[in-house]
Amino acid sequence: MIEARRNSLGITLAVLAAVGLGLAVPLSRYAYEGGGNGITVAATRACLMAVGLPLFCLLSGRALALPWRAWGHCVGLGALMAMMFYGHVGAVEFISVGLAVLLFFTYPPMIAVLNIVMLRERLGPASLIAVAMAFLGLALMLGVSLDVVDLRGVALALGAGMAAAWNAVWLVRSMQEHDPIVITTHMALVAAAVLLVLCLSFGSIAWPVSAAGWGGLSAVVLLQASSVPAYFLGLSYIGAMRSAMFTNAQPLISISAAYLLFGEVMTPVQLLGGALVLGGIWLMQISKRREN
């Protein structure tokens, strides 16, 4: 009975996290149309997490102290998190929601490549096919997009995906013995500091000037700041593999919301590329489950 409740709670949290993170990206467009910019949205989100996560740790009885060596890792991981925060939502300032989220979601095959290069991990035939599918999808999306889209958005989305991949590999290699919520808290503190310094150094703070813009900014910040702890809690109840299956719904939620809210439609080739990316991720996860 207890196990069934844990399972139900874990699935509920994973679904809520996927929906929250999936909706945050398209809603950020309201902030940009209202006069805000990506780095301001990202910095605001990071600051809220930097305040909210320590409170969450204290309320849940988690000790915030870390060894100096672990905190040193958190500095590097937090810098990567800053790039993830900015690139994930900031790309939508320059390119469509659908293209932004699909480019970002190339990070799972990037993780596989990093594991091969850095950890000498051997992938089975199914995993190799999955990686090839994902990168073929990326090539298709970029092939029809680079001449007609703002390259700043492409760079931000892919940069965020690469930061997410490096972040995941680094966490697995160096931080497995620590509570993921506590580690995320320290990473969020560093990310907030990095983004604030960038905003102040380049004078790039731009707040929305309309009610819709402030609504979009608030929605992004609240959804993302609450979804990250929900994801990690769900992870602790149902494990990484099952959580990842729900995470894969994020691009579909973002693309559907962008269509309903803004009428955004991707080209057939972009959709084919996106389908290959998501299909490759799904195949990779299935093959990993069978290997384990």
Protein backbone atom coordinates (compact mmCIF):
# COMPACT_ATOMS: atom_id res chain seq x y z
CA MET A 1 0.00 0.00 0.00
CA ILE A 2 2.79 2.43 0.91
CA GLU A 3 4.71 1.51 -2.24
CA ALA A 4 1.61 2.12 -4.37
CA ARG A 5 1.17 5.56 -2.82
CA ARG A 6 4.83 6.42 -3.44
CA ASN A 7 4.45 5.29 -7.02
CA SER A 8 1.30 7.38 -7.55
CA LEU A 9 2.87 10.42 -5.91
CA GLY A 10 6.03 10.05 -7.99
CA ILE A 11 4.06 9.82 -11.25
CA THR A 12 1.94 12.83 -10.26
CA LEU A 13 5.01 14.92 -9.48
CA ALA A 14 6.74 13.87 -12.72
CA VAL A 15 3.67 14.78 -14.78
CA LEU A 16 3.29 18.14 -13.04
CA ALA A 17 6.98 18.90 -13.60
CA ALA A 18 6.74 18.00 -17.30
CA VAL A 19 3.62 20.14 -17.78
CA GLY A 20 5.09 23.07 -15.85
CA LEU A 21 8.40 23.05 -17.70
CA GLY A 22 6.66 22.46 -21.02
CA LEU A 23 4.30 25.42 -20.59
CA ALA A 24 6.97 27.81 -19.29
CA VAL A 25 8.81 28.02 -22.62
CA PRO A 26 5.91 29.19 -24.83
CA LEU A 27 4.57 31.50 -22.10
CA SER A 28 7.93 33.31 -22.10
CA ARG A 29 6.94 34.82 -25.46
CA TYR A 30 4.41 37.02 -23.64
CA ALA A 31 7.28 38.46 -21.60
CA TYR A 32 9.28 39.25 -24.73
CA GLU A 33 6.34 40.73 -26.59
CA GLY A 34 5.71 42.86 -23.48
CA GLY A 35 9.20 44.38 -23.55
CA GLY A 36 11.27 41.92 -21.48
CA ASN A 37 14.29 39.96 -22.64
CA GLY A 38 15.63 36.47 -22.14
CA ILE A 39 18.43 37.15 -19.70
CA THR A 40 16.11 39.15 -17.41
CA VAL A 41 13.60 36.27 -17.40
CA ALA A 42 16.38 33.76 -16.72
CA ALA A 43 17.94 35.85 -13.94
CA THR A 44 14.57 36.38 -12.25
CA ARG A 45 13.86 32.66 -12.38
CA ALA A 46 17.28 31.84 -10.96
CA CYS A 47 16.88 34.36 -8.13
CA LEU A 48 13.51 32.91 -7.12
CA MET A 49 15.02 29.42 -7.07
CA ALA A 50 17.99 30.73 -5.08
CA VAL A 51 15.53 31.92 -2.43
CA GLY A 52 12.93 29.16 -2.64
CA LEU A 53 15.16 26.07 -2.73
CA PRO A 54 17.03 26.86 0.52
CA LEU A 55 13.66 27.35 2.21
CA PHE A 56 12.45 24.06 0.75
CA CYS A 57 15.57 22.30 2.07
CA LEU A 58 15.07 23.74 5.55
CA LEU A 59 11.38 22.82 5.63
CA SER A 60 12.11 19.27 4.45
CA GLY A 61 14.89 18.79 7.02
CA ARG A 62 17.78 18.78 4.56
CA ALA A 63 21.15 20.14 5.72
CA LEU A 64 22.52 22.73 3.31
CA ALA A 65 26.20 22.31 4.26
CA LEU A 66 28.50 20.65 1.71
CA PRO A 67 32.19 19.73 1.78
CA TRP A 68 34.42 22.31 0.11
CA ARG A 69 35.28 19.90 -2.71
CA ALA A 70 31.60 19.30 -3.47
CA TRP A 71 30.85 23.01 -3.35
CA GLY A 72 33.70 23.58 -5.82
CA HIS A 73 31.92 21.24 -8.21
CA CYS A 74 28.72 23.21 -7.63
CA VAL A 75 30.42 26.37 -8.89
CA GLY A 76 31.08 24.76 -12.28
CA LEU A 77 27.69 23.07 -12.34
CA GLY A 78 25.99 26.34 -11.42
CA ALA A 79 27.68 28.13 -14.32
CA LEU A 80 26.32 25.44 -16.64
CA MET A 81 22.91 25.84 -15.04
CA ALA A 82 23.02 29.58 -15.80
CA MET A 83 23.50 28.74 -19.49
CA MET A 84 20.65 26.25 -19.31
CA PHE A 85 18.34 28.79 -17.67
CA TYR A 86 19.15 31.50 -20.20
CA GLY A 87 19.32 29.40 -23.35
CA HIS A 88 16.22 27.33 -22.68
CA VAL A 89 13.81 30.27 -22.50
CA GLY A 90 16.01 32.95 -24.07
CA ALA A 91 16.04 31.19 -27.45
CA VAL A 92 12.30 31.90 -27.78
CA GLU A 93 13.14 35.62 -27.94
CA PHE A 94 14.65 34.96 -31.39
CA ILE A 95 13.19 31.73 -32.84
CA SER A 96 9.96 29.74 -32.71
CA VAL A 97 9.02 27.79 -29.60
CA GLY A 98 8.95 24.47 -31.45
CA LEU A 99 12.43 24.83 -32.91
CA ALA A 100 13.84 26.10 -29.60
CA VAL A 101 12.56 23.19 -27.51
CA LEU A 102 13.53 20.52 -30.05
CA LEU A 103 17.04 21.91 -30.39
CA PHE A 104 17.37 21.97 -26.60
CA PHE A 105 16.14 18.39 -26.35
CA THR A 106 19.12 17.11 -28.29
CA TYR A 107 20.88 16.98 -24.91
CA PRO A 108 20.17 13.25 -24.24
CA PRO A 109 22.12 12.10 -27.34
CA MET A 110 24.79 14.66 -26.44
CA ILE A 111 25.06 12.92 -23.06
CA ALA A 112 25.57 9.60 -24.85
CA VAL A 113 28.38 11.07 -26.96
CA LEU A 114 30.06 12.60 -23.91
CA ASN A 115 29.86 9.26 -22.11
CA ILE A 116 31.53 7.54 -25.05
CA VAL A 117 34.30 10.14 -25.26
CA MET A 118 34.91 10.78 -21.55
CA LEU A 119 33.89 7.58 -19.81
CA ARG A 120 34.70 5.14 -22.63
CA GLU A 121 31.18 3.80 -22.27
CA ARG A 122 30.18 1.21 -24.82
CA LEU A 123 26.76 1.56 -26.38
CA GLY A 124 24.77 -1.33 -27.77
CA PRO A 125 23.50 -1.35 -31.37
CA ALA A 126 20.08 0.04 -30.38
CA SER A 127 21.64 2.94 -28.47
CA LEU A 128 23.94 3.75 -31.39
CA ILE A 129 20.98 3.76 -33.77
CA ALA A 130 19.14 6.03 -31.33
CA VAL A 131 22.02 8.52 -31.22
CA ALA A 132 22.28 8.48 -35.03
CA MET A 133 18.52 9.10 -35.34
CA ALA A 134 18.68 12.05 -32.95
CA PHE A 135 21.58 13.73 -34.73
CA LEU A 136 20.00 13.10 -38.14
CA GLY A 137 16.92 14.86 -36.80
CA LEU A 138 19.08 17.75 -35.61
CA ALA A 139 20.71 17.99 -39.04
CA LEU A 140 17.31 18.08 -40.73
CA MET A 141 16.01 20.82 -38.44
CA LEU A 142 19.11 22.96 -38.86
CA GLY A 143 19.32 22.33 -42.61
CA VAL A 144 15.97 23.97 -43.25
CA SER A 145 16.26 26.61 -40.53
CA LEU A 146 19.66 28.28 -40.60
CA ASP A 147 18.91 30.45 -43.64
CA VAL A 148 15.59 31.73 -42.31
CA VAL A 149 15.94 32.03 -38.53
CA ASP A 150 17.95 34.19 -36.14
CA LEU A 151 21.18 32.34 -35.39
CA ARG A 152 21.23 33.79 -31.87
CA GLY A 153 18.21 31.67 -30.99
CA VAL A 154 19.78 28.54 -32.50
CA ALA A 155 23.01 29.16 -30.57
CA LEU A 156 21.14 29.72 -27.30
CA ALA A 157 19.01 26.58 -27.65
CA LEU A 158 21.93 24.34 -28.64
CA GLY A 159 24.17 25.96 -26.01
CA ALA A 160 21.56 25.21 -23.35
CA GLY A 161 21.34 21.62 -24.58
CA MET A 162 25.10 21.20 -24.44
CA ALA A 163 25.18 22.74 -20.94
CA ALA A 164 22.46 20.29 -19.84
CA ALA A 165 24.48 17.37 -21.23
CA TRP A 166 27.71 18.42 -19.51
CA ASN A 167 25.77 19.08 -16.33
CA ALA A 168 24.28 15.57 -16.32
CA VAL A 169 27.59 13.83 -16.97
CA TRP A 170 29.37 15.92 -14.33
CA LEU A 171 26.68 15.20 -11.75
CA VAL A 172 26.86 11.45 -12.33
CA ARG A 173 30.65 11.38 -12.19
CA SER A 174 31.19 13.55 -9.14
CA MET A 175 28.07 14.19 -7.07
CA GLN A 176 26.12 10.96 -6.72
CA GLU A 177 26.75 10.65 -2.98
CA HIS A 178 25.01 13.96 -2.22
CA ASP A 179 21.32 14.86 -1.97
CA PRO A 180 20.24 16.10 -5.44
CA ILE A 181 17.97 18.78 -3.96
CA VAL A 182 20.84 20.22 -1.89
CA ILE A 183 23.17 20.11 -4.89
CA THR A 184 20.54 21.82 -7.04
CA THR A 185 20.16 24.50 -4.36
CA HIS A 186 23.86 25.36 -4.44
CA MET A 187 23.85 25.27 -8.25
CA ALA A 188 20.89 27.66 -8.31
CA LEU A 189 22.73 30.09 -5.99
CA VAL A 190 25.72 30.14 -8.36
CA ALA A 191 23.49 30.42 -11.45
CA ALA A 192 21.63 33.38 -9.95
CA ALA A 193 24.92 35.13 -9.17
CA VAL A 194 26.25 34.52 -12.71
CA LEU A 195 23.10 35.80 -14.42
CA LEU A 196 22.85 38.85 -12.16
CA VAL A 197 26.48 39.76 -12.88
CA LEU A 198 25.83 39.42 -16.62
CA CYS A 199 22.71 41.58 -16.40
CA LEU A 200 24.45 44.31 -14.43
CA SER A 201 27.72 44.18 -16.39
CA PHE A 202 26.09 44.59 -19.80
CA GLY A 203 23.17 46.75 -18.72
CA SER A 204 20.81 44.24 -20.27
CA ILE A 205 18.00 44.24 -17.69
CA ALA A 206 14.70 44.78 -19.51
CA TRP A 207 11.45 44.41 -17.57
CA PRO A 208 8.12 44.02 -19.35
CA VAL A 209 6.09 47.18 -19.81
CA SER A 210 2.65 45.60 -20.22
CA ALA A 211 0.36 43.51 -18.04
CA ALA A 212 0.63 40.59 -20.47
CA GLY A 213 4.41 40.84 -20.34
CA TRP A 214 4.45 40.73 -16.55
CA GLY A 215 2.02 37.83 -16.64
CA GLY A 216 4.33 35.91 -18.97
CA LEU A 217 7.37 36.64 -16.81
CA SER A 218 5.55 35.58 -13.65
CA ALA A 219 4.27 32.39 -15.26
CA VAL A 220 7.74 31.36 -16.47
CA VAL A 221 9.39 32.06 -13.13
CA LEU A 222 6.75 30.34 -11.01
CA LEU A 223 6.31 27.31 -13.29
CA GLN A 224 10.02 26.62 -13.68
CA ALA A 225 10.92 27.35 -10.07
CA SER A 226 8.24 24.97 -8.77
CA SER A 227 8.71 22.27 -11.42
CA VAL A 228 12.39 21.63 -10.69
CA PRO A 229 11.83 20.49 -7.06
CA ALA A 230 8.77 18.49 -8.22
CA TYR A 231 10.93 16.72 -10.80
CA PHE A 232 13.61 15.78 -8.28
CA LEU A 233 11.05 14.60 -5.74
CA GLY A 234 9.35 12.48 -8.37
CA LEU A 235 12.74 11.12 -9.34
CA SER A 236 13.32 9.91 -5.79
CA TYR A 237 9.98 8.02 -5.83
CA ILE A 238 9.91 6.37 -9.27
CA GLY A 239 13.53 6.48 -10.47
CA ALA A 240 15.36 8.14 -13.35
CA MET A 241 14.10 5.92 -16.17
CA ARG A 242 10.39 6.36 -15.49
CA SER A 243 10.82 10.07 -14.76
CA ALA A 244 12.59 10.50 -18.09
CA MET A 245 9.64 9.03 -19.97
CA PHE A 246 7.44 11.84 -18.60
CA THR A 247 10.16 14.43 -19.26
CA ASN A 248 9.97 13.54 -22.96
CA ALA A 249 6.47 15.05 -23.05
CA GLN A 250 7.86 18.56 -22.54
CA PRO A 251 8.53 19.34 -26.24
CA LEU A 252 5.06 18.09 -27.22
CA ILE A 253 3.46 20.26 -24.52
CA SER A 254 5.51 23.31 -25.60
CA ILE A 255 4.75 22.86 -29.31
CA SER A 256 1.03 22.30 -28.67
CA ALA A 257 0.82 25.37 -26.41
CA ALA A 258 2.69 27.50 -28.97
CA TYR A 259 0.19 26.45 -31.65
CA LEU A 260 -2.85 27.14 -29.45
CA LEU A 261 -1.57 30.46 -28.07
CA PHE A 262 0.34 31.94 -31.02
CA GLY A 263 -0.58 29.87 -34.06
CA GLU A 264 3.04 28.71 -34.46
CA VAL A 265 3.37 25.94 -37.03
CA MET A 266 6.60 24.10 -37.83
CA THR A 267 7.51 23.06 -41.37
CA PRO A 268 7.09 19.38 -42.31
CA VAL A 269 10.88 18.90 -42.43
CA GLN A 270 11.31 20.48 -38.99
CA LEU A 271 8.58 18.21 -37.64
CA LEU A 272 10.27 15.17 -39.19
CA GLY A 273 13.57 16.22 -37.62
CA GLY A 274 11.89 16.73 -34.26
CA ALA A 275 10.21 13.32 -34.52
CA LEU A 276 13.59 11.71 -35.18
CA VAL A 277 15.12 13.46 -32.16
CA LEU A 278 12.31 12.40 -29.84
CA GLY A 279 12.20 8.91 -31.36
CA GLY A 280 15.93 8.56 -30.82
CA ILE A 281 15.59 9.62 -27.18
CA TRP A 282 12.75 7.13 -26.64
CA LEU A 283 14.72 4.30 -28.28
CA MET A 284 17.78 5.17 -26.20
CA GLN A 285 15.80 4.96 -22.97
CA ILE A 286 14.18 1.66 -23.96
CA SER A 287 17.53 0.14 -24.88
CA LYS A 288 19.07 1.33 -21.60
CA ARG A 289 16.23 -0.27 -19.66
CA ARG A 290 16.81 -3.59 -21.44
CA GLU A 291 20.58 -3.41 -20.91
CA ASN A 292 20.05 -2.85 -17.18
